[in-house]
Structure formats: structure tokens, C-alpha cells
């Protein structure tokens, strides 16, 4: 596992990555109240294991509470999220397969977060941040479908990506 820790202050978590060609192993250190908003990986399966603390995982429409030693598998194409609803830091190991662009995506989102561009709910904080968010989502659109509340349908998201991309040219 890499020693480099990527911090995302808005989503209250930090990542360490160990990429391989077949799987991305990630350690996620999630502060109380931290987590990720609902999203879908069309072709990526994620296997989570709680190493310390406790977490709650959304898989489909149901929240699952997991504690140290518990494992949660999210099949490709399943809407999911996770959060630390406890009062201590949680440490979660995730194996993402195939790894696709997950590491680059999380690194870019964390950079946007450190720049003040997203709120604790994962929403852009300004028009400029919205444009950056759209650009990130567009670059990684084959790997992740985001569910910003409220989420426009996928065809509308694609149209927005194209419109915003034209405006940045």
C-alpha cells in the first residue's frame, strides 16, 4: 500500500492506493460524518471490508450496517454509497475490479474538495466548481455515473457534459 495519503476534506476521508492491472486496492480512512454520495459503476465490482470502526453501505435501495471484520460486495451496475455514521474514524479496505480510472477520479475529486469546490454533501459550491465537476464526471463517465441529488436522467447528464465542454473550449 502506498504511503501517500490523498485527503478529501469535504467528504471527510483520505485514501491510499495500491494499483495493479486487475484490481485497485484502496484503504479509505473515513472521519465521522464522512462518506460518498450515491453512484453507480457500470462495469466495476467493489468489495469492501471494515478494518476499524463501523460504516453503513447503501447497496441498491437498502442500507447495511457493517463493523470491524464485516464485508460488503457491491456488484457492477448497483447504485451504492457509504458513510461513517459512528463517532470514531472508520478504516475500510476496498478492492475495485476492474480498476478502470477510479484512482484518478478520486484524486481529482479530492483536489476539487481541497480547493473548496464541493460541499460536505458532494455538491459544487460555485458555477466554476460546477463546471470542474462536470469536466471530471465527463472524463470518467465510462467508469462512474454520479447521482447528484436530484440526479438528472443519464441522457440529460450526457447533454450537460457536452454543453459545458463546449463552454470551456
Protein backbone atom coordinates (compact mmCIF):
# COMPACT_ATOMS: atom_id res chain seq x y z
CA UNK A 1 0.00 0.00 0.00
CA UNK A 2 1.34 3.43 -0.92
CA UNK A 3 2.36 5.77 1.89
CA UNK A 4 0.84 8.73 0.03
CA UNK A 5 -2.43 9.81 1.63
CA UNK A 6 -4.91 11.71 -0.58
CA UNK A 7 -7.17 13.85 1.62
CA UNK A 8 -10.71 14.94 0.70
CA UNK A 9 -11.83 17.48 3.34
CA UNK A 10 -15.39 17.96 2.03
CA UNK A 11 -16.21 14.24 2.02
CA UNK A 12 -14.16 13.81 5.23
CA UNK A 13 -11.98 10.96 4.08
CA UNK A 14 -8.48 10.08 2.94
CA UNK A 15 -7.25 7.41 0.52
CA UNK A 16 -4.20 5.23 -0.01
CA UNK A 17 -3.94 3.25 -3.23
CA UNK A 18 -2.23 0.08 -4.38
CA UNK A 19 -2.99 -0.29 -8.08
CA UNK A 20 -2.45 -3.45 -10.10
CA UNK A 21 -3.60 -4.21 -13.65
CA UNK A 22 -6.56 -6.30 -12.41
CA UNK A 23 -7.64 -4.66 -9.15
CA UNK A 24 -7.26 -1.37 -7.32
CA UNK A 25 -6.77 -1.94 -3.61
CA UNK A 26 -7.66 1.15 -1.63
CA UNK A 27 -7.60 1.99 2.04
CA UNK A 28 -10.25 4.57 2.88
CA UNK A 29 -9.97 6.40 6.20
CA UNK A 30 -13.40 7.92 6.84
CA UNK A 31 -13.95 10.53 9.53
CA UNK A 32 -17.27 10.63 11.43
CA UNK A 33 -19.88 12.09 9.09
CA UNK A 34 -17.77 11.33 6.02
CA UNK A 35 -18.57 9.13 3.07
CA UNK A 36 -19.55 9.18 -0.58
CA UNK A 37 -22.80 10.08 -2.31
CA UNK A 38 -24.80 7.51 -4.30
CA UNK A 39 -23.27 6.45 -7.60
CA UNK A 40 -23.00 3.51 -10.00
CA UNK A 41 -20.00 1.79 -11.56
CA UNK A 42 -21.43 0.15 -14.73
CA UNK A 43 -18.67 -2.47 -15.05
CA UNK A 44 -16.77 -2.38 -11.74
CA UNK A 45 -17.37 -4.59 -8.71
CA UNK A 46 -16.29 -3.26 -5.33
CA UNK A 47 -15.52 -5.44 -2.31
CA UNK A 48 -15.40 -3.56 0.98
CA UNK A 49 -14.08 -4.77 4.34
CA UNK A 50 -14.35 -2.71 7.51
CA UNK A 51 -10.93 -2.80 9.20
CA UNK A 52 -11.73 -0.40 12.08
CA UNK A 53 -14.83 1.37 13.31
CA UNK A 54 -18.14 0.93 11.58
CA UNK A 55 -19.74 2.06 8.37
CA UNK A 56 -23.06 1.97 6.61
CA UNK A 57 -23.26 0.91 2.97
CA UNK A 58 -26.08 1.62 0.55
CA UNK A 59 -26.45 -1.24 -1.92
CA UNK A 60 -29.37 -0.74 -4.26
CA UNK A 61 -32.12 0.66 -2.02
CA UNK A 62 -31.04 -0.81 1.29
CA UNK A 63 -28.56 0.43 3.91
CA UNK A 64 -26.35 -2.22 5.52
CA UNK A 65 -24.51 -1.60 8.81
CA UNK A 66 -21.01 -3.10 8.87
CA UNK A 67 -18.49 -3.32 11.71
CA UNK A 68 -14.89 -4.47 12.02
CA UNK A 69 -14.41 -7.67 10.01
CA UNK A 70 -17.66 -7.33 8.04
CA UNK A 71 -17.53 -7.46 4.25
CA UNK A 72 -19.90 -5.93 1.71
CA UNK A 73 -19.81 -6.73 -2.01
CA UNK A 74 -21.33 -4.26 -4.48
CA UNK A 75 -21.82 -5.86 -7.91
CA UNK A 76 -21.21 -3.84 -11.07
CA UNK A 77 -24.21 -1.75 -12.06
CA UNK A 78 -25.53 -1.39 -8.48
CA UNK A 79 -26.30 2.06 -7.08
CA UNK A 80 -24.32 2.41 -3.86
CA UNK A 81 -22.78 4.77 -1.30
CA UNK A 82 -21.17 4.56 2.11
CA UNK A 83 -20.86 6.68 5.21
CA UNK A 84 -19.36 6.70 8.66
CA UNK A 85 -22.32 7.22 10.96
CA UNK A 86 -20.24 6.45 14.04
CA UNK A 87 -18.31 8.76 16.34
CA UNK A 88 -14.84 7.34 15.61
CA UNK A 89 -12.80 7.13 12.42
CA UNK A 90 -13.52 4.09 10.24
CA UNK A 91 -10.92 2.35 8.12
CA UNK A 92 -12.22 0.49 5.09
CA UNK A 93 -10.37 -1.65 2.56
CA UNK A 94 -11.84 -1.66 -0.93
CA UNK A 95 -10.91 -3.86 -3.87
CA UNK A 96 -12.24 -2.45 -7.15
CA UNK A 97 -12.19 -4.70 -10.19
CA UNK A 98 -11.51 -3.84 -12.91
CA UNK A 99 -9.76 -0.71 -11.59
CA UNK A 100 -10.57 1.46 -14.61
CA UNK A 101 -10.00 5.17 -13.74
CA UNK A 102 -11.17 5.05 -10.10
CA UNK A 103 -7.85 6.23 -8.61
CA UNK A 104 -7.60 9.20 -10.98
CA UNK A 105 -11.26 10.09 -10.38
CA UNK A 106 -10.95 10.06 -6.57
CA UNK A 107 -7.70 12.03 -6.75
CA UNK A 108 -9.34 14.71 -8.95
CA UNK A 109 -12.41 14.95 -6.70
CA UNK A 110 -10.18 15.27 -3.62
CA UNK A 111 -8.26 18.11 -5.35
CA UNK A 112 -11.53 19.89 -6.13
CA UNK A 113 -12.56 19.39 -2.50
CA UNK A 114 -9.27 20.82 -1.17
CA UNK A 115 -9.84 23.85 -3.44
CA UNK A 116 -13.22 24.43 -1.74
CA UNK A 117 -15.15 23.35 -4.83
CA UNK A 118 -17.53 20.85 -3.23
CA UNK A 119 -19.66 20.82 -0.12
CA UNK A 120 -19.93 18.08 2.53
CA UNK A 121 -22.92 16.78 0.55
CA UNK A 122 -20.72 16.38 -2.54
CA UNK A 123 -22.32 19.29 -4.40
CA UNK A 124 -20.42 22.03 -6.27
CA UNK A 125 -20.07 25.28 -4.33
CA UNK A 126 -19.97 27.67 -7.31
CA UNK A 127 -20.54 27.86 -11.05
CA UNK A 128 -16.80 27.41 -11.62
CA UNK A 129 -16.78 24.35 -9.33
CA UNK A 130 -19.86 23.00 -11.13
CA UNK A 131 -18.01 23.26 -14.45
CA UNK A 132 -14.98 21.49 -12.95
CA UNK A 133 -17.25 18.79 -11.51
CA UNK A 134 -18.89 18.25 -14.88
CA UNK A 135 -15.48 18.04 -16.55
CA UNK A 136 -14.32 15.42 -14.02
CA UNK A 137 -17.55 13.44 -14.41
CA UNK A 138 -17.23 13.61 -18.19
CA UNK A 139 -13.62 12.33 -18.16
CA UNK A 140 -14.68 9.35 -16.04
CA UNK A 141 -18.18 8.81 -17.47
CA UNK A 142 -17.46 5.23 -18.54
CA UNK A 143 -16.33 4.31 -15.01
CA UNK A 144 -18.91 6.11 -12.82
CA UNK A 145 -22.41 7.51 -13.07
CA UNK A 146 -22.89 10.13 -10.38
CA UNK A 147 -26.17 10.66 -8.57
CA UNK A 148 -26.10 14.30 -7.54
CA UNK A 149 -29.31 14.95 -5.61
CA UNK A 150 -31.53 15.35 -7.55
CA UNK A 151 -29.88 13.41 -10.35
CA UNK A 152 -30.96 14.17 -13.88
CA UNK A 153 -31.52 11.13 -16.09
CA UNK A 154 -28.39 9.73 -17.78
CA UNK A 155 -29.24 11.21 -21.25
CA UNK A 156 -29.64 14.66 -19.65
CA UNK A 157 -26.28 14.24 -17.88
CA UNK A 158 -24.61 13.45 -21.23
CA UNK A 159 -26.20 16.54 -22.80
CA UNK A 160 -25.00 18.70 -19.88
CA UNK A 161 -21.47 17.29 -20.28
CA UNK A 162 -21.43 18.27 -23.96
CA UNK A 163 -22.82 21.77 -23.30
CA UNK A 164 -20.38 22.51 -20.50
CA UNK A 165 -17.46 21.13 -22.54
CA UNK A 166 -18.33 23.50 -25.40
CA UNK A 167 -18.41 26.42 -22.97
CA UNK A 168 -14.89 25.60 -21.75
CA UNK A 169 -13.37 25.42 -25.21
